[in-house]
N, C-alpha and C. Protein backbone atom coordinates (compact mmCIF):
# COMPACT_ATOMS: atom_id res chain seq x y z
N MET A 1 24.90 -36.04 20.70
CA MET A 1 25.22 -34.93 19.79
C MET A 1 26.69 -34.99 19.43
N ASP A 2 26.99 -34.96 18.12
CA ASP A 2 28.38 -35.03 17.71
C ASP A 2 29.07 -33.68 17.91
N ALA A 3 30.40 -33.70 17.90
CA ALA A 3 31.18 -32.50 18.20
C ALA A 3 30.93 -31.39 17.18
N GLN A 4 30.79 -31.76 15.90
CA GLN A 4 30.59 -30.74 14.87
C GLN A 4 29.24 -30.06 15.02
N LEU A 5 28.22 -30.81 15.41
CA LEU A 5 26.91 -30.21 15.60
C LEU A 5 26.93 -29.27 16.81
N ALA A 6 27.62 -29.68 17.85
CA ALA A 6 27.74 -28.82 19.03
C ALA A 6 28.47 -27.53 18.68
N ALA A 7 29.52 -27.64 17.87
CA ALA A 7 30.26 -26.45 17.46
C ALA A 7 29.38 -25.54 16.61
N PHE A 8 28.56 -26.14 15.75
CA PHE A 8 27.68 -25.34 14.90
C PHE A 8 26.66 -24.58 15.73
N LEU A 9 26.16 -25.20 16.80
CA LEU A 9 25.21 -24.52 17.67
C LEU A 9 25.81 -23.22 18.22
N GLY A 10 27.08 -23.28 18.62
CA GLY A 10 27.75 -22.09 19.13
C GLY A 10 27.94 -21.04 18.06
N VAL A 11 28.36 -21.48 16.87
CA VAL A 11 28.57 -20.54 15.77
C VAL A 11 27.25 -19.89 15.35
N ALA A 12 26.21 -20.71 15.22
CA ALA A 12 24.91 -20.20 14.80
C ALA A 12 24.34 -19.22 15.82
N ALA A 13 24.48 -19.54 17.11
CA ALA A 13 23.99 -18.64 18.16
C ALA A 13 24.70 -17.29 18.09
N GLY A 14 26.00 -17.32 17.86
CA GLY A 14 26.75 -16.07 17.74
C GLY A 14 26.31 -15.26 16.54
N MET A 15 26.07 -15.93 15.42
CA MET A 15 25.61 -15.23 14.21
C MET A 15 24.26 -14.58 14.43
N ILE A 16 23.34 -15.30 15.06
CA ILE A 16 21.98 -14.79 15.24
C ILE A 16 21.97 -13.63 16.23
N ALA A 17 22.72 -13.77 17.33
CA ALA A 17 22.68 -12.77 18.40
C ALA A 17 23.50 -11.52 18.10
N MET A 18 24.38 -11.58 17.10
CA MET A 18 25.23 -10.43 16.79
C MET A 18 24.37 -9.23 16.37
N PRO A 19 24.51 -8.08 17.04
CA PRO A 19 23.71 -6.91 16.67
C PRO A 19 23.98 -6.46 15.24
N GLY A 20 22.94 -6.13 14.55
CA GLY A 20 23.05 -5.69 13.16
C GLY A 20 21.73 -5.08 12.74
N ALA A 21 21.52 -5.04 11.44
CA ALA A 21 20.29 -4.45 10.91
C ALA A 21 19.06 -5.19 11.41
N ASP A 22 19.12 -6.52 11.46
CA ASP A 22 17.97 -7.30 11.92
C ASP A 22 17.60 -6.92 13.36
N PHE A 23 18.60 -6.91 14.23
CA PHE A 23 18.39 -6.57 15.64
C PHE A 23 17.79 -5.17 15.77
N THR A 24 18.36 -4.24 15.02
CA THR A 24 17.94 -2.85 15.12
C THR A 24 16.49 -2.65 14.68
N VAL A 25 16.12 -3.28 13.57
CA VAL A 25 14.77 -3.09 13.05
C VAL A 25 13.75 -3.77 13.95
N VAL A 26 14.12 -4.87 14.61
CA VAL A 26 13.22 -5.52 15.56
C VAL A 26 12.99 -4.62 16.77
N VAL A 27 14.05 -4.01 17.28
CA VAL A 27 13.93 -3.10 18.43
C VAL A 27 13.01 -1.93 18.08
N ARG A 28 13.19 -1.34 16.92
CA ARG A 28 12.36 -0.20 16.52
C ARG A 28 10.90 -0.58 16.44
N ASN A 29 10.60 -1.73 15.88
CA ASN A 29 9.21 -2.14 15.76
C ASN A 29 8.63 -2.53 17.11
N ALA A 30 9.45 -3.10 17.98
CA ALA A 30 8.98 -3.47 19.32
C ALA A 30 8.63 -2.23 20.13
N LEU A 31 9.27 -1.11 19.84
CA LEU A 31 8.92 0.13 20.52
C LEU A 31 7.53 0.60 20.11
N ALA A 32 7.11 0.24 18.90
CA ALA A 32 5.76 0.60 18.45
C ALA A 32 4.72 -0.22 19.19
N SER A 33 4.94 -1.53 19.27
CA SER A 33 4.03 -2.40 20.02
C SER A 33 4.64 -3.79 20.09
N ARG A 34 4.14 -4.59 21.01
CA ARG A 34 4.63 -5.96 21.13
C ARG A 34 4.33 -6.75 19.86
N ARG A 35 3.12 -6.58 19.34
CA ARG A 35 2.74 -7.31 18.12
C ARG A 35 3.63 -6.95 16.95
N ALA A 36 3.92 -5.65 16.82
CA ALA A 36 4.77 -5.21 15.72
C ALA A 36 6.18 -5.78 15.86
N GLY A 37 6.70 -5.78 17.10
CA GLY A 37 8.04 -6.32 17.31
C GLY A 37 8.13 -7.80 17.01
N VAL A 38 7.15 -8.57 17.48
CA VAL A 38 7.15 -10.01 17.24
C VAL A 38 6.96 -10.30 15.75
N ALA A 39 6.08 -9.54 15.10
CA ALA A 39 5.86 -9.72 13.67
C ALA A 39 7.15 -9.45 12.88
N CYS A 40 7.85 -8.40 13.27
CA CYS A 40 9.13 -8.08 12.61
C CYS A 40 10.13 -9.20 12.84
N ALA A 41 10.16 -9.75 14.05
CA ALA A 41 11.07 -10.84 14.38
C ALA A 41 10.77 -12.07 13.53
N VAL A 42 9.49 -12.37 13.35
CA VAL A 42 9.10 -13.51 12.50
C VAL A 42 9.51 -13.24 11.05
N GLY A 43 9.40 -11.98 10.63
CA GLY A 43 9.83 -11.62 9.28
C GLY A 43 11.32 -11.86 9.07
N VAL A 44 12.12 -11.51 10.08
CA VAL A 44 13.57 -11.75 10.01
C VAL A 44 13.84 -13.24 9.87
N ALA A 45 13.14 -14.05 10.68
CA ALA A 45 13.31 -15.50 10.60
C ALA A 45 12.90 -16.03 9.22
N GLY A 46 11.86 -15.41 8.65
CA GLY A 46 11.44 -15.79 7.30
C GLY A 46 12.52 -15.51 6.28
N GLY A 47 13.21 -14.37 6.44
CA GLY A 47 14.32 -14.06 5.54
C GLY A 47 15.45 -15.07 5.68
N LEU A 48 15.74 -15.45 6.91
CA LEU A 48 16.78 -16.47 7.14
C LEU A 48 16.37 -17.81 6.54
N LEU A 49 15.09 -18.11 6.58
CA LEU A 49 14.60 -19.36 5.97
C LEU A 49 14.88 -19.36 4.48
N VAL A 50 14.67 -18.22 3.84
CA VAL A 50 14.97 -18.11 2.40
C VAL A 50 16.45 -18.31 2.15
N HIS A 51 17.29 -17.65 2.94
CA HIS A 51 18.74 -17.75 2.75
C HIS A 51 19.24 -19.18 2.95
N THR A 52 18.77 -19.81 4.02
CA THR A 52 19.24 -21.17 4.29
C THR A 52 18.73 -22.15 3.23
N ALA A 53 17.50 -21.91 2.75
CA ALA A 53 16.97 -22.77 1.69
C ALA A 53 17.79 -22.63 0.41
N LEU A 54 18.18 -21.39 0.11
CA LEU A 54 19.03 -21.17 -1.07
C LEU A 54 20.37 -21.88 -0.92
N ALA A 55 20.92 -21.81 0.28
CA ALA A 55 22.21 -22.45 0.52
C ALA A 55 22.08 -23.97 0.38
N VAL A 56 21.02 -24.54 0.96
CA VAL A 56 20.82 -25.99 0.86
C VAL A 56 20.65 -26.41 -0.59
N ALA A 57 19.92 -25.61 -1.35
CA ALA A 57 19.69 -25.93 -2.76
C ALA A 57 20.90 -25.63 -3.63
N GLY A 58 21.86 -24.91 -3.09
CA GLY A 58 23.04 -24.57 -3.87
C GLY A 58 22.84 -23.37 -4.77
N LEU A 59 21.67 -22.74 -4.69
CA LEU A 59 21.40 -21.61 -5.57
C LEU A 59 22.20 -20.37 -5.20
N ALA A 60 22.67 -20.32 -3.96
CA ALA A 60 23.46 -19.16 -3.55
C ALA A 60 24.74 -19.04 -4.37
N ALA A 61 25.19 -20.16 -4.93
CA ALA A 61 26.40 -20.13 -5.76
C ALA A 61 26.21 -19.23 -6.98
N VAL A 62 24.94 -19.06 -7.39
CA VAL A 62 24.66 -18.20 -8.55
C VAL A 62 25.07 -16.77 -8.26
N LEU A 63 24.87 -16.34 -7.01
CA LEU A 63 25.25 -14.98 -6.64
C LEU A 63 26.75 -14.75 -6.79
N VAL A 64 27.51 -15.80 -6.53
CA VAL A 64 28.96 -15.69 -6.67
C VAL A 64 29.34 -15.73 -8.15
N ALA A 65 28.65 -16.56 -8.91
CA ALA A 65 28.99 -16.74 -10.32
C ALA A 65 28.55 -15.57 -11.19
N VAL A 66 27.54 -14.82 -10.74
CA VAL A 66 27.02 -13.70 -11.53
C VAL A 66 27.20 -12.42 -10.72
N PRO A 67 28.35 -11.75 -10.88
CA PRO A 67 28.65 -10.55 -10.07
C PRO A 67 27.61 -9.45 -10.20
N VAL A 68 27.04 -9.28 -11.40
CA VAL A 68 26.06 -8.22 -11.61
C VAL A 68 24.83 -8.44 -10.73
N LEU A 69 24.38 -9.68 -10.64
CA LEU A 69 23.23 -10.00 -9.80
C LEU A 69 23.55 -9.75 -8.33
N PHE A 70 24.75 -10.14 -7.93
CA PHE A 70 25.17 -9.95 -6.55
C PHE A 70 25.20 -8.47 -6.20
N ARG A 71 25.79 -7.66 -7.08
CA ARG A 71 25.88 -6.22 -6.81
C ARG A 71 24.49 -5.56 -6.81
N THR A 72 23.62 -6.04 -7.68
CA THR A 72 22.26 -5.49 -7.73
C THR A 72 21.54 -5.73 -6.40
N LEU A 73 21.66 -6.93 -5.87
CA LEU A 73 21.04 -7.24 -4.59
C LEU A 73 21.68 -6.45 -3.46
N GLN A 74 22.99 -6.24 -3.55
CA GLN A 74 23.66 -5.41 -2.54
C GLN A 74 23.10 -4.00 -2.53
N ILE A 75 22.91 -3.44 -3.73
CA ILE A 75 22.40 -2.07 -3.84
C ILE A 75 20.97 -1.99 -3.30
N LEU A 76 20.13 -2.95 -3.67
CA LEU A 76 18.75 -2.97 -3.20
C LEU A 76 18.71 -3.07 -1.68
N GLY A 77 19.52 -3.95 -1.11
CA GLY A 77 19.56 -4.10 0.33
C GLY A 77 20.04 -2.85 1.02
N GLY A 78 21.10 -2.24 0.47
CA GLY A 78 21.64 -1.02 1.06
C GLY A 78 20.64 0.13 1.01
N VAL A 79 19.96 0.27 -0.11
CA VAL A 79 18.96 1.33 -0.25
C VAL A 79 17.84 1.16 0.76
N TYR A 80 17.39 -0.08 0.95
CA TYR A 80 16.27 -0.31 1.88
C TYR A 80 16.68 -0.03 3.32
N VAL A 81 17.86 -0.52 3.72
CA VAL A 81 18.32 -0.28 5.08
C VAL A 81 18.57 1.22 5.30
N LEU A 82 19.13 1.89 4.30
CA LEU A 82 19.37 3.34 4.39
C LEU A 82 18.04 4.09 4.53
N TYR A 83 17.03 3.64 3.79
CA TYR A 83 15.70 4.25 3.88
C TYR A 83 15.14 4.13 5.29
N LEU A 84 15.25 2.93 5.88
CA LEU A 84 14.76 2.74 7.24
C LEU A 84 15.53 3.62 8.23
N GLY A 85 16.84 3.73 8.03
CA GLY A 85 17.66 4.54 8.92
C GLY A 85 17.30 6.02 8.86
N LEU A 86 17.19 6.55 7.65
CA LEU A 86 16.85 7.97 7.49
C LEU A 86 15.45 8.26 8.02
N ARG A 87 14.56 7.29 7.85
CA ARG A 87 13.21 7.45 8.36
C ARG A 87 13.21 7.53 9.89
N ALA A 88 14.04 6.71 10.51
CA ALA A 88 14.13 6.72 11.97
C ALA A 88 14.76 8.01 12.47
N VAL A 89 15.81 8.47 11.79
CA VAL A 89 16.47 9.73 12.18
C VAL A 89 15.48 10.90 12.07
N ARG A 90 14.72 10.91 10.98
CA ARG A 90 13.73 11.97 10.81
C ARG A 90 12.69 11.93 11.92
N ALA A 91 12.25 10.71 12.28
CA ALA A 91 11.28 10.58 13.36
C ALA A 91 11.84 11.08 14.68
N ALA A 92 13.13 10.80 14.93
CA ALA A 92 13.76 11.26 16.17
C ALA A 92 13.85 12.78 16.22
N LEU A 93 14.16 13.40 15.09
CA LEU A 93 14.29 14.86 15.04
C LEU A 93 12.94 15.54 15.19
N ARG A 94 11.88 14.89 14.70
CA ARG A 94 10.55 15.50 14.75
C ARG A 94 9.84 15.21 16.06
N ARG A 95 10.33 14.22 16.82
CA ARG A 95 9.64 13.82 18.05
C ARG A 95 9.87 14.86 19.14
N PRO A 96 8.81 15.33 19.81
CA PRO A 96 8.98 16.30 20.90
C PRO A 96 9.68 15.66 22.09
N LEU A 97 10.44 16.46 22.82
CA LEU A 97 11.15 15.95 23.99
C LEU A 97 10.20 15.61 25.13
N ALA A 98 9.05 16.24 25.17
CA ALA A 98 8.09 15.97 26.23
C ALA A 98 6.69 16.24 25.72
N VAL A 99 5.76 15.50 26.25
CA VAL A 99 4.35 15.72 25.93
C VAL A 99 3.64 15.98 27.24
N ARG A 100 3.27 17.22 27.47
CA ARG A 100 2.72 17.59 28.77
C ARG A 100 1.22 17.82 28.66
N GLY A 101 0.49 17.14 29.53
CA GLY A 101 -0.95 17.32 29.57
C GLY A 101 -1.33 18.24 30.71
N ALA A 102 -2.60 18.50 30.80
CA ALA A 102 -3.06 19.42 31.83
C ALA A 102 -3.12 18.76 33.20
N GLY A 103 -3.19 17.43 33.23
CA GLY A 103 -3.35 16.74 34.50
C GLY A 103 -2.06 16.38 35.16
N GLN A 104 -1.15 17.34 35.36
CA GLN A 104 0.13 17.08 36.00
C GLN A 104 -0.02 17.20 37.50
N VAL A 105 0.26 16.11 38.21
CA VAL A 105 0.10 16.08 39.65
C VAL A 105 1.47 16.23 40.29
N ALA A 106 1.50 16.73 41.51
CA ALA A 106 2.77 16.92 42.20
C ALA A 106 3.53 15.61 42.26
N GLY A 107 4.75 15.64 41.74
CA GLY A 107 5.60 14.46 41.76
C GLY A 107 5.27 13.46 40.66
N THR A 108 4.21 13.72 39.88
CA THR A 108 3.82 12.79 38.82
C THR A 108 3.61 13.58 37.55
N ASP A 109 4.27 13.17 36.49
CA ASP A 109 4.16 13.88 35.22
C ASP A 109 3.38 13.02 34.26
N THR A 110 2.22 13.53 33.82
CA THR A 110 1.42 12.76 32.88
C THR A 110 2.09 12.68 31.53
N ALA A 111 3.20 13.40 31.37
CA ALA A 111 3.95 13.29 30.12
C ALA A 111 4.44 11.87 29.92
N THR A 112 4.71 11.18 31.05
CA THR A 112 5.17 9.80 30.94
C THR A 112 4.13 8.95 30.26
N ASP A 113 2.84 9.09 30.72
CA ASP A 113 1.79 8.30 30.13
C ASP A 113 1.52 8.74 28.71
N ALA A 114 1.51 10.06 28.49
CA ALA A 114 1.28 10.54 27.13
C ALA A 114 2.40 10.11 26.23
N GLY A 115 3.64 10.15 26.79
CA GLY A 115 4.78 9.72 26.00
C GLY A 115 4.70 8.26 25.66
N THR A 116 4.11 7.47 26.58
CA THR A 116 3.95 6.05 26.30
C THR A 116 3.06 5.85 25.10
N ASP A 117 1.94 6.61 25.05
CA ASP A 117 1.05 6.49 23.91
C ASP A 117 1.72 6.98 22.65
N ALA A 118 2.47 8.10 22.79
CA ALA A 118 3.16 8.62 21.61
C ALA A 118 4.19 7.64 21.13
N GLY A 119 4.81 6.93 22.10
CA GLY A 119 5.84 5.97 21.73
C GLY A 119 5.29 4.79 20.97
N ARG A 120 3.96 4.65 20.97
CA ARG A 120 3.35 3.57 20.22
C ARG A 120 3.43 3.82 18.72
N GLU A 121 3.89 5.01 18.35
CA GLU A 121 4.10 5.27 16.94
C GLU A 121 5.57 5.55 16.73
N VAL A 122 6.25 4.68 16.02
CA VAL A 122 7.68 4.80 15.83
C VAL A 122 7.96 4.97 14.34
N GLY A 123 8.65 6.03 14.00
CA GLY A 123 8.98 6.25 12.60
C GLY A 123 7.74 6.37 11.73
N GLY A 124 6.64 6.91 12.32
CA GLY A 124 5.45 7.09 11.53
C GLY A 124 4.63 5.82 11.42
N GLN A 125 5.01 4.78 12.09
CA GLN A 125 4.28 3.52 12.00
C GLN A 125 3.35 3.37 13.18
N PRO A 126 2.05 3.30 12.97
CA PRO A 126 1.12 3.17 14.08
C PRO A 126 1.19 1.81 14.69
N ALA A 127 0.81 1.73 15.99
CA ALA A 127 0.78 0.45 16.65
C ALA A 127 -0.17 -0.48 15.91
N GLY A 128 0.17 -1.74 15.87
CA GLY A 128 -0.70 -2.71 15.20
C GLY A 128 -0.39 -2.88 13.73
N GLY A 129 0.62 -2.18 13.23
CA GLY A 129 0.98 -2.35 11.82
C GLY A 129 1.74 -3.64 11.63
N VAL A 130 1.07 -4.76 11.91
CA VAL A 130 1.74 -6.06 11.90
C VAL A 130 2.26 -6.42 10.52
N GLY A 131 1.44 -6.18 9.50
CA GLY A 131 1.87 -6.52 8.14
C GLY A 131 3.10 -5.75 7.72
N ARG A 132 3.13 -4.45 8.05
CA ARG A 132 4.28 -3.62 7.70
C ARG A 132 5.52 -4.08 8.46
N SER A 133 5.33 -4.42 9.73
CA SER A 133 6.47 -4.87 10.54
C SER A 133 7.02 -6.20 10.03
N LEU A 134 6.12 -7.11 9.69
CA LEU A 134 6.54 -8.39 9.13
C LEU A 134 7.33 -8.18 7.85
N ARG A 135 6.85 -7.29 7.02
CA ARG A 135 7.53 -7.00 5.75
C ARG A 135 8.89 -6.35 5.98
N GLN A 136 8.97 -5.43 6.94
CA GLN A 136 10.25 -4.79 7.23
C GLN A 136 11.29 -5.80 7.69
N GLY A 137 10.89 -6.68 8.60
CA GLY A 137 11.83 -7.70 9.08
C GLY A 137 12.29 -8.61 7.96
N PHE A 138 11.34 -9.04 7.14
CA PHE A 138 11.67 -9.96 6.04
C PHE A 138 12.60 -9.30 5.03
N LEU A 139 12.26 -8.10 4.60
CA LEU A 139 13.07 -7.43 3.57
C LEU A 139 14.44 -7.05 4.09
N THR A 140 14.51 -6.61 5.34
CA THR A 140 15.80 -6.25 5.90
C THR A 140 16.76 -7.43 5.85
N ASN A 141 16.25 -8.62 6.14
CA ASN A 141 17.10 -9.81 6.14
C ASN A 141 17.31 -10.37 4.74
N VAL A 142 16.24 -10.51 3.98
CA VAL A 142 16.33 -11.23 2.71
C VAL A 142 17.11 -10.43 1.66
N LEU A 143 17.18 -9.10 1.81
CA LEU A 143 17.90 -8.29 0.83
C LEU A 143 19.39 -8.19 1.13
N ASN A 144 19.87 -8.99 2.08
CA ASN A 144 21.30 -9.07 2.35
C ASN A 144 21.88 -10.22 1.53
N PRO A 145 22.52 -9.93 0.40
CA PRO A 145 22.99 -11.00 -0.49
C PRO A 145 24.18 -11.77 0.07
N LYS A 146 24.83 -11.22 1.10
CA LYS A 146 25.99 -11.93 1.66
C LYS A 146 25.56 -13.10 2.54
N ALA A 147 24.32 -13.06 3.01
CA ALA A 147 23.85 -14.11 3.91
C ALA A 147 23.81 -15.49 3.25
N PRO A 148 23.21 -15.65 2.05
CA PRO A 148 23.21 -16.98 1.45
C PRO A 148 24.60 -17.47 1.11
N VAL A 149 25.47 -16.54 0.73
CA VAL A 149 26.85 -16.93 0.42
C VAL A 149 27.54 -17.41 1.69
N LEU A 150 27.27 -16.72 2.80
CA LEU A 150 27.83 -17.13 4.09
C LEU A 150 27.37 -18.53 4.45
N PHE A 151 26.07 -18.78 4.33
CA PHE A 151 25.55 -20.10 4.66
C PHE A 151 26.07 -21.16 3.71
N LEU A 152 26.22 -20.79 2.44
CA LEU A 152 26.72 -21.75 1.45
C LEU A 152 28.13 -22.20 1.80
N SER A 153 28.93 -21.27 2.31
CA SER A 153 30.31 -21.61 2.68
C SER A 153 30.41 -22.21 4.08
N LEU A 154 29.43 -21.88 4.95
CA LEU A 154 29.50 -22.32 6.34
C LEU A 154 28.93 -23.73 6.55
N LEU A 155 27.77 -23.99 6.01
CA LEU A 155 27.09 -25.26 6.29
C LEU A 155 27.93 -26.49 5.94
N PRO A 156 28.61 -26.51 4.79
CA PRO A 156 29.40 -27.72 4.47
C PRO A 156 30.51 -28.03 5.46
N GLN A 157 30.95 -26.99 6.20
CA GLN A 157 32.03 -27.21 7.17
C GLN A 157 31.59 -28.10 8.33
N PHE A 158 30.29 -28.25 8.51
CA PHE A 158 29.77 -29.01 9.64
C PHE A 158 29.02 -30.27 9.19
N VAL A 159 29.42 -30.76 8.01
CA VAL A 159 28.88 -32.02 7.50
C VAL A 159 29.98 -33.07 7.60
N PRO A 160 29.90 -34.00 8.57
CA PRO A 160 30.96 -35.01 8.73
C PRO A 160 31.01 -35.96 7.54
N ASP A 161 32.15 -36.57 7.35
CA ASP A 161 32.31 -37.56 6.29
C ASP A 161 31.35 -38.73 6.53
N GLY A 162 30.75 -39.19 5.46
CA GLY A 162 29.86 -40.34 5.55
C GLY A 162 28.43 -40.01 5.93
N VAL A 163 28.14 -38.73 6.22
CA VAL A 163 26.78 -38.31 6.57
C VAL A 163 26.11 -37.73 5.32
N PRO A 164 24.87 -38.13 5.03
CA PRO A 164 24.16 -37.57 3.87
C PRO A 164 24.14 -36.05 3.91
N VAL A 165 24.62 -35.44 2.84
CA VAL A 165 24.78 -33.99 2.81
C VAL A 165 23.43 -33.27 2.91
N LEU A 166 22.44 -33.70 2.15
CA LEU A 166 21.17 -32.99 2.12
C LEU A 166 20.48 -32.99 3.48
N SER A 167 20.38 -34.15 4.11
CA SER A 167 19.71 -34.23 5.40
C SER A 167 20.46 -33.44 6.47
N ARG A 168 21.79 -33.46 6.40
CA ARG A 168 22.59 -32.73 7.39
C ARG A 168 22.43 -31.22 7.22
N THR A 169 22.52 -30.74 6.00
CA THR A 169 22.39 -29.30 5.77
C THR A 169 20.97 -28.82 6.09
N LEU A 170 19.98 -29.67 5.84
CA LEU A 170 18.62 -29.31 6.23
C LEU A 170 18.50 -29.16 7.74
N LEU A 171 19.17 -30.05 8.46
CA LEU A 171 19.17 -29.97 9.93
C LEU A 171 19.83 -28.68 10.38
N LEU A 172 20.98 -28.37 9.81
CA LEU A 172 21.70 -27.15 10.20
C LEU A 172 20.89 -25.91 9.87
N ALA A 173 20.25 -25.91 8.69
CA ALA A 173 19.43 -24.76 8.30
C ALA A 173 18.25 -24.60 9.24
N THR A 174 17.65 -25.71 9.64
CA THR A 174 16.52 -25.67 10.57
C THR A 174 16.95 -25.10 11.91
N ILE A 175 18.14 -25.46 12.36
CA ILE A 175 18.67 -24.94 13.63
C ILE A 175 18.78 -23.43 13.58
N VAL A 176 19.29 -22.91 12.48
CA VAL A 176 19.45 -21.46 12.34
C VAL A 176 18.10 -20.75 12.42
N VAL A 177 17.12 -21.27 11.69
CA VAL A 177 15.80 -20.63 11.66
C VAL A 177 15.12 -20.71 13.03
N VAL A 178 15.23 -21.87 13.69
CA VAL A 178 14.63 -22.02 15.02
C VAL A 178 15.27 -21.07 16.02
N MET A 179 16.59 -20.93 15.96
CA MET A 179 17.27 -19.99 16.85
C MET A 179 16.79 -18.56 16.62
N ALA A 180 16.59 -18.20 15.34
CA ALA A 180 16.09 -16.87 15.03
C ALA A 180 14.68 -16.68 15.57
N LEU A 181 13.86 -17.74 15.49
CA LEU A 181 12.49 -17.66 15.98
C LEU A 181 12.44 -17.57 17.51
N ILE A 182 13.51 -17.94 18.16
CA ILE A 182 13.59 -17.82 19.62
C ILE A 182 14.19 -16.46 20.01
N TRP A 183 15.33 -16.12 19.37
CA TRP A 183 16.08 -14.94 19.77
C TRP A 183 15.36 -13.64 19.47
N PHE A 184 14.93 -13.44 18.23
CA PHE A 184 14.37 -12.13 17.85
C PHE A 184 13.03 -11.84 18.52
N PRO A 185 12.11 -12.82 18.62
CA PRO A 185 10.91 -12.53 19.42
C PRO A 185 11.24 -12.25 20.88
N ALA A 186 12.27 -12.92 21.42
CA ALA A 186 12.67 -12.65 22.81
C ALA A 186 13.15 -11.21 22.95
N VAL A 187 13.91 -10.72 21.96
CA VAL A 187 14.35 -9.32 21.97
C VAL A 187 13.14 -8.39 21.94
N ALA A 188 12.19 -8.71 21.06
CA ALA A 188 10.99 -7.88 20.95
C ALA A 188 10.21 -7.85 22.26
N LEU A 189 10.05 -8.99 22.89
CA LEU A 189 9.31 -9.07 24.15
C LEU A 189 10.04 -8.34 25.28
N LEU A 190 11.38 -8.40 25.27
CA LEU A 190 12.15 -7.69 26.29
C LEU A 190 12.00 -6.19 26.12
N VAL A 191 12.08 -5.72 24.88
CA VAL A 191 11.90 -4.29 24.62
C VAL A 191 10.51 -3.86 25.06
N ASP A 192 9.50 -4.67 24.74
CA ASP A 192 8.14 -4.34 25.15
C ASP A 192 8.01 -4.35 26.67
N ARG A 193 8.71 -5.28 27.32
CA ARG A 193 8.68 -5.36 28.79
C ARG A 193 9.24 -4.10 29.41
N LEU A 194 10.28 -3.56 28.78
CA LEU A 194 10.90 -2.32 29.27
C LEU A 194 10.22 -1.10 28.67
N GLY A 195 9.07 -1.33 28.04
CA GLY A 195 8.42 -0.28 27.26
C GLY A 195 8.09 0.97 28.02
N LYS A 196 7.68 0.87 29.30
CA LYS A 196 7.29 2.06 30.05
C LYS A 196 8.45 3.04 30.15
N TRP A 197 9.66 2.49 30.28
CA TRP A 197 10.85 3.35 30.33
C TRP A 197 11.30 3.74 28.94
N LEU A 198 11.32 2.77 28.03
CA LEU A 198 11.84 3.02 26.68
C LEU A 198 10.95 3.97 25.89
N ARG A 199 9.65 4.02 26.24
CA ARG A 199 8.73 4.85 25.46
C ARG A 199 8.56 6.26 26.05
N ARG A 200 9.32 6.58 27.09
CA ARG A 200 9.31 7.96 27.56
C ARG A 200 9.85 8.83 26.43
N PRO A 201 9.31 10.06 26.28
CA PRO A 201 9.68 10.89 25.13
C PRO A 201 11.18 11.03 24.90
N ARG A 202 11.93 11.32 25.95
CA ARG A 202 13.38 11.52 25.78
C ARG A 202 14.07 10.22 25.42
N THR A 203 13.66 9.13 26.08
CA THR A 203 14.28 7.84 25.80
C THR A 203 13.95 7.38 24.39
N THR A 204 12.68 7.54 24.01
CA THR A 204 12.25 7.13 22.67
C THR A 204 13.03 7.90 21.61
N ARG A 205 13.20 9.19 21.85
CA ARG A 205 13.94 10.00 20.87
C ARG A 205 15.39 9.54 20.77
N ALA A 206 15.98 9.21 21.92
CA ALA A 206 17.37 8.73 21.91
C ALA A 206 17.48 7.39 21.20
N VAL A 207 16.54 6.48 21.48
CA VAL A 207 16.57 5.17 20.83
C VAL A 207 16.38 5.32 19.33
N GLU A 208 15.43 6.17 18.94
CA GLU A 208 15.21 6.42 17.52
C GLU A 208 16.47 6.96 16.85
N GLY A 209 17.13 7.91 17.53
CA GLY A 209 18.34 8.49 16.96
C GLY A 209 19.46 7.48 16.81
N VAL A 210 19.65 6.65 17.86
CA VAL A 210 20.73 5.66 17.82
C VAL A 210 20.45 4.58 16.78
N THR A 211 19.23 4.02 16.80
CA THR A 211 18.91 2.97 15.83
C THR A 211 18.88 3.52 14.41
N GLY A 212 18.37 4.75 14.26
CA GLY A 212 18.38 5.36 12.94
C GLY A 212 19.79 5.59 12.43
N GLY A 213 20.66 6.06 13.32
CA GLY A 213 22.06 6.27 12.92
C GLY A 213 22.74 4.96 12.55
N ALA A 214 22.44 3.90 13.34
CA ALA A 214 23.04 2.59 13.05
C ALA A 214 22.57 2.05 11.71
N LEU A 215 21.26 2.16 11.45
CA LEU A 215 20.74 1.67 10.17
C LEU A 215 21.27 2.49 9.00
N THR A 216 21.38 3.79 9.20
CA THR A 216 21.91 4.65 8.14
C THR A 216 23.36 4.27 7.83
N ALA A 217 24.16 4.06 8.87
CA ALA A 217 25.56 3.66 8.67
C ALA A 217 25.65 2.31 7.97
N LEU A 218 24.79 1.36 8.38
CA LEU A 218 24.78 0.05 7.74
C LEU A 218 24.39 0.17 6.27
N GLY A 219 23.39 1.02 6.00
CA GLY A 219 22.96 1.21 4.62
C GLY A 219 24.06 1.79 3.75
N VAL A 220 24.75 2.79 4.28
CA VAL A 220 25.87 3.40 3.54
C VAL A 220 26.98 2.37 3.30
N THR A 221 27.26 1.55 4.31
CA THR A 221 28.29 0.51 4.17
C THR A 221 27.90 -0.50 3.10
N LEU A 222 26.64 -0.91 3.10
CA LEU A 222 26.18 -1.87 2.11
C LEU A 222 26.25 -1.30 0.70
N LEU A 223 26.01 0.02 0.58
CA LEU A 223 26.02 0.65 -0.73
C LEU A 223 27.44 0.97 -1.22
N ALA A 224 28.33 1.19 -0.28
CA ALA A 224 29.68 1.63 -0.65
C ALA A 224 30.42 0.61 -1.51
N GLU A 225 30.33 -0.67 -1.14
CA GLU A 225 31.09 -1.69 -1.86
C GLU A 225 30.63 -1.87 -3.30
N PRO A 226 29.32 -2.09 -3.58
CA PRO A 226 28.93 -2.29 -4.97
C PRO A 226 29.10 -1.04 -5.82
N LEU A 227 28.88 0.14 -5.23
CA LEU A 227 28.99 1.38 -6.02
C LEU A 227 30.45 1.75 -6.28
N ALA A 228 31.37 1.17 -5.51
CA ALA A 228 32.78 1.46 -5.72
C ALA A 228 33.33 0.73 -6.92
N HIS A 229 32.64 -0.32 -7.37
CA HIS A 229 33.11 -1.10 -8.51
C HIS A 229 32.66 -0.50 -9.84
């Protein structure tokens, strides 16, 4: 492995693992169910595949050359992320702090089990909504217009002199997508593994509030720049 490829592995891993809208939306869907979380993770990887393909093809340069198109995509992305955030905040506010059944035994609260079932619905999304989760992950990632520009400027930095550009950039793009296919499903599976604790009514409400607030802030940030022009 050459030094530039090794350096790219570190850079790509940092980019993928950095918490952001992708991470947040995967966590929210994983709280609904394992299938929903993994589907959302695959959707995020699908969005990255689109971005890296655009960068390899050089089409991302169009976003830089046509400011109106770039701003339009920024607005669409910001609106979608803001929508997800507000939806999560609303779900957190409407979610009861406890769900108490009649079968409460000394030292054991059936609210935990009831809360687990209630936690299978996050932001109004029922468990098993794989198609919706896949779409959420894909749109959250693909509607970020800065991603293809980032890849367009980043990938050439790791193409050594004398190496075919197309084959090298394809390799780098594949590395990014494979890392996403490893990292985001792993996050979803970890959240599902911790599900008994995370899906308790109080914990679920807190997670919904935090992730909803984060997505709302990200949405506002994405909208602020294009609307300021």
